[in-house]
N, C-alpha and C. Protein backbone atom coordinates (compact mmCIF):
# COMPACT_ATOMS: atom_id res chain seq x y z
N MET A 1 27.87 91.65 75.63
CA MET A 1 28.47 90.65 74.24
C MET A 1 29.72 91.06 74.26
N THR A 2 30.44 89.91 73.72
CA THR A 2 32.36 89.25 73.64
C THR A 2 32.23 89.46 72.61
N THR A 3 33.15 89.15 72.69
CA THR A 3 33.51 88.92 71.64
C THR A 3 35.44 87.45 71.61
N MET A 4 34.46 86.85 70.32
CA MET A 4 35.27 85.70 69.38
C MET A 4 36.87 86.54 69.42
N ALA A 5 38.10 85.92 70.30
CA ALA A 5 39.15 85.86 69.94
C ALA A 5 39.59 85.81 67.99
N ARG A 6 40.27 85.77 67.12
CA ARG A 6 40.81 85.18 66.09
C ARG A 6 41.83 84.69 66.49
N SER A 7 41.58 82.72 66.56
CA SER A 7 42.49 81.55 66.58
C SER A 7 43.68 82.22 65.79
N ARG A 8 44.91 82.28 66.35
CA ARG A 8 46.57 82.58 65.49
C ARG A 8 46.21 81.63 64.66
N PHE A 9 46.16 79.68 64.92
CA PHE A 9 46.83 79.07 63.47
C PHE A 9 45.63 78.39 62.83
N ASP A 10 44.62 78.08 61.85
CA ASP A 10 44.48 77.37 60.77
C ASP A 10 44.68 76.95 60.03
N ILE A 11 43.90 76.05 59.45
CA ILE A 11 44.12 74.49 59.08
C ILE A 11 43.23 75.08 57.29
N ARG A 12 44.23 74.51 56.66
CA ARG A 12 43.91 74.80 55.34
C ARG A 12 44.45 74.02 53.56
N LYS A 13 43.79 73.32 52.94
CA LYS A 13 43.99 72.39 51.76
C LYS A 13 45.70 73.18 51.33
N ASP A 14 46.57 72.08 50.66
CA ASP A 14 47.68 71.72 50.75
C ASP A 14 47.63 71.26 49.00
N GLY A 15 46.86 69.84 49.35
CA GLY A 15 47.14 69.13 48.13
C GLY A 15 45.76 68.98 48.17
N GLU A 16 45.15 67.27 47.21
CA GLU A 16 43.93 66.53 47.43
C GLU A 16 43.73 66.11 48.30
N PHE A 17 44.58 65.52 49.24
CA PHE A 17 43.86 64.65 50.23
C PHE A 17 44.82 65.01 51.56
N THR A 18 46.16 66.44 51.38
CA THR A 18 46.78 66.31 52.36
C THR A 18 45.97 68.81 53.13
N TRP A 19 46.96 68.51 53.62
CA TRP A 19 46.23 70.37 54.75
C TRP A 19 47.22 70.45 55.20
N GLU A 20 47.80 72.51 55.47
CA GLU A 20 48.65 72.57 55.58
C GLU A 20 48.11 72.96 57.41
N ILE A 21 49.32 74.07 58.14
CA ILE A 21 48.69 74.58 58.97
C ILE A 21 49.38 75.88 59.06
N PHE A 22 48.42 76.54 59.32
CA PHE A 22 49.10 77.97 58.57
C PHE A 22 48.53 79.53 60.07
N ASP A 23 49.98 80.03 59.94
CA ASP A 23 49.30 81.42 61.12
C ASP A 23 48.50 82.83 60.31
N THR A 24 47.84 82.36 60.37
CA THR A 24 46.42 83.66 60.58
C THR A 24 46.94 85.08 60.31
N THR A 25 48.11 85.55 61.17
CA THR A 25 48.26 86.29 61.03
C THR A 25 49.22 86.74 59.70
N THR A 26 49.45 85.98 59.36
CA THR A 26 50.58 86.49 58.02
C THR A 26 49.66 85.84 56.83
N GLY A 27 49.20 84.64 56.53
CA GLY A 27 49.06 83.69 55.72
C GLY A 27 49.45 82.71 55.36
N ARG A 28 51.80 83.05 55.80
CA ARG A 28 52.11 81.88 56.47
C ARG A 28 52.01 80.50 56.33
N THR A 29 52.47 79.30 55.34
CA THR A 29 52.60 77.86 57.12
C THR A 29 52.81 78.21 57.95
N VAL A 30 53.17 77.77 59.15
CA VAL A 30 54.16 77.53 60.06
C VAL A 30 54.82 76.32 60.50
N ILE A 31 56.15 76.87 61.21
CA ILE A 31 57.59 76.62 60.99
C ILE A 31 57.76 76.86 62.32
N ILE A 32 57.50 75.38 63.30
CA ILE A 32 57.61 75.43 64.84
C ILE A 32 58.81 74.15 64.95
N GLY A 33 60.34 74.70 65.42
CA GLY A 33 61.57 74.23 65.68
C GLY A 33 62.06 73.70 64.50
N GLY A 34 61.87 74.05 63.37
CA GLY A 34 61.65 73.64 62.21
C GLY A 34 61.88 72.89 61.61
N LYS A 35 60.67 72.37 61.41
CA LYS A 35 59.77 72.23 61.38
C LYS A 35 58.08 72.22 60.25
N PRO A 36 57.95 72.52 59.01
CA PRO A 36 56.78 72.97 58.82
C PRO A 36 55.78 72.44 58.74
N TYR A 37 55.16 72.68 59.25
CA TYR A 37 53.93 71.77 59.13
C TYR A 37 52.37 71.78 58.07
N PHE A 38 53.07 70.98 56.98
CA PHE A 38 52.44 70.73 55.61
C PHE A 38 52.00 69.42 55.33
N ASP A 39 51.22 69.02 54.51
CA ASP A 39 51.44 67.72 53.74
C ASP A 39 50.91 66.52 55.52
N LEU A 40 50.30 67.38 55.77
CA LEU A 40 48.94 66.28 56.61
C LEU A 40 48.26 66.21 56.21
N PRO A 41 47.43 64.89 57.06
CA PRO A 41 45.67 64.54 57.37
C PRO A 41 44.89 65.06 57.68
N GLN A 42 44.42 65.71 56.88
CA GLN A 42 42.50 66.30 58.00
C GLN A 42 43.12 67.19 59.31
N ASP A 43 42.93 65.10 59.53
CA ASP A 43 42.75 64.75 61.49
C ASP A 43 43.38 65.58 62.10
N SER A 44 44.32 65.32 62.06
CA SER A 44 45.62 65.04 62.65
C SER A 44 46.58 67.36 62.28
N ALA A 45 46.40 67.35 61.06
CA ALA A 45 46.09 69.32 61.03
C ALA A 45 45.36 70.07 61.62
N ASP A 46 43.73 69.02 62.06
CA ASP A 46 43.17 69.70 63.70
C ASP A 46 43.61 70.26 64.44
N THR A 47 43.43 68.96 64.87
CA THR A 47 43.96 68.56 66.03
C THR A 47 46.04 69.95 66.42
N LEU A 48 46.37 69.70 65.84
CA LEU A 48 47.43 70.23 65.38
C LEU A 48 47.72 71.62 66.04
N ALA A 49 46.16 72.59 65.05
CA ALA A 49 46.29 73.33 65.25
C ALA A 49 45.24 74.03 66.48
N GLY A 50 44.76 73.20 67.24
CA GLY A 50 43.89 72.96 67.93
C GLY A 50 44.46 73.01 69.39
N PHE A 51 45.43 73.11 69.30
CA PHE A 51 46.38 72.16 70.85
C PHE A 51 47.93 73.82 70.26
N MET A 52 48.24 74.23 69.37
CA MET A 52 49.03 74.99 68.78
C MET A 52 48.42 76.32 69.21
N ASN A 53 46.65 76.29 69.08
CA ASN A 53 45.90 78.01 69.90
C ASN A 53 46.28 77.64 71.07
N ALA A 54 45.60 76.81 72.12
CA ALA A 54 45.00 76.37 73.00
C ALA A 54 46.49 76.78 74.06
N VAL A 55 47.65 76.45 73.68
CA VAL A 55 49.41 76.29 74.93
C VAL A 55 49.02 78.13 74.02
N ASP A 56 49.02 78.79 73.09
CA ASP A 56 48.84 80.04 72.29
C ASP A 56 50.41 79.13 72.07
N MET A 57 51.40 78.95 71.74
CA MET A 57 52.44 78.53 70.49
C MET A 57 52.67 80.22 69.58
N VAL A 58 54.24 79.89 70.11
CA VAL A 58 55.37 80.80 69.21
C VAL A 58 55.16 80.51 67.90
N PRO A 59 55.65 80.07 66.53
CA PRO A 59 56.25 79.82 65.29
C PRO A 59 57.33 80.43 65.33
N ASP A 60 58.93 79.69 64.66
CA ASP A 60 59.40 80.76 64.51
C ASP A 60 59.24 81.81 64.02
N LYS A 61 60.06 82.67 63.12
CA LYS A 61 60.20 83.73 62.60
C LYS A 61 60.49 83.31 61.10
N ASP A 62 60.72 82.92 60.73
CA ASP A 62 61.49 81.52 59.99
C ASP A 62 59.95 80.85 58.74
N THR A 63 59.54 81.40 57.92
CA THR A 63 57.97 80.34 58.06
C THR A 63 58.34 80.38 56.34
N LEU A 64 57.46 80.03 55.42
CA LEU A 64 57.17 79.34 54.64
C LEU A 64 56.23 80.65 53.65
N HIS A 65 56.61 81.23 52.05
CA HIS A 65 56.01 81.36 51.57
C HIS A 65 54.11 81.41 50.62
């Protein structure tokens, strides 16, 4: 039996038509290189979250609440 590892990054709605990438370990919006990843179109957020998970990206220590 294989266990699926939980992805570190996922997306959720942050507005009527926008999405954010959040850290599943903290529940907070991801910030990388000082840039918060919110107010994104769904397809961009989904693609970026997939990339971040694929390369094991590490977010900044400061995150939005």
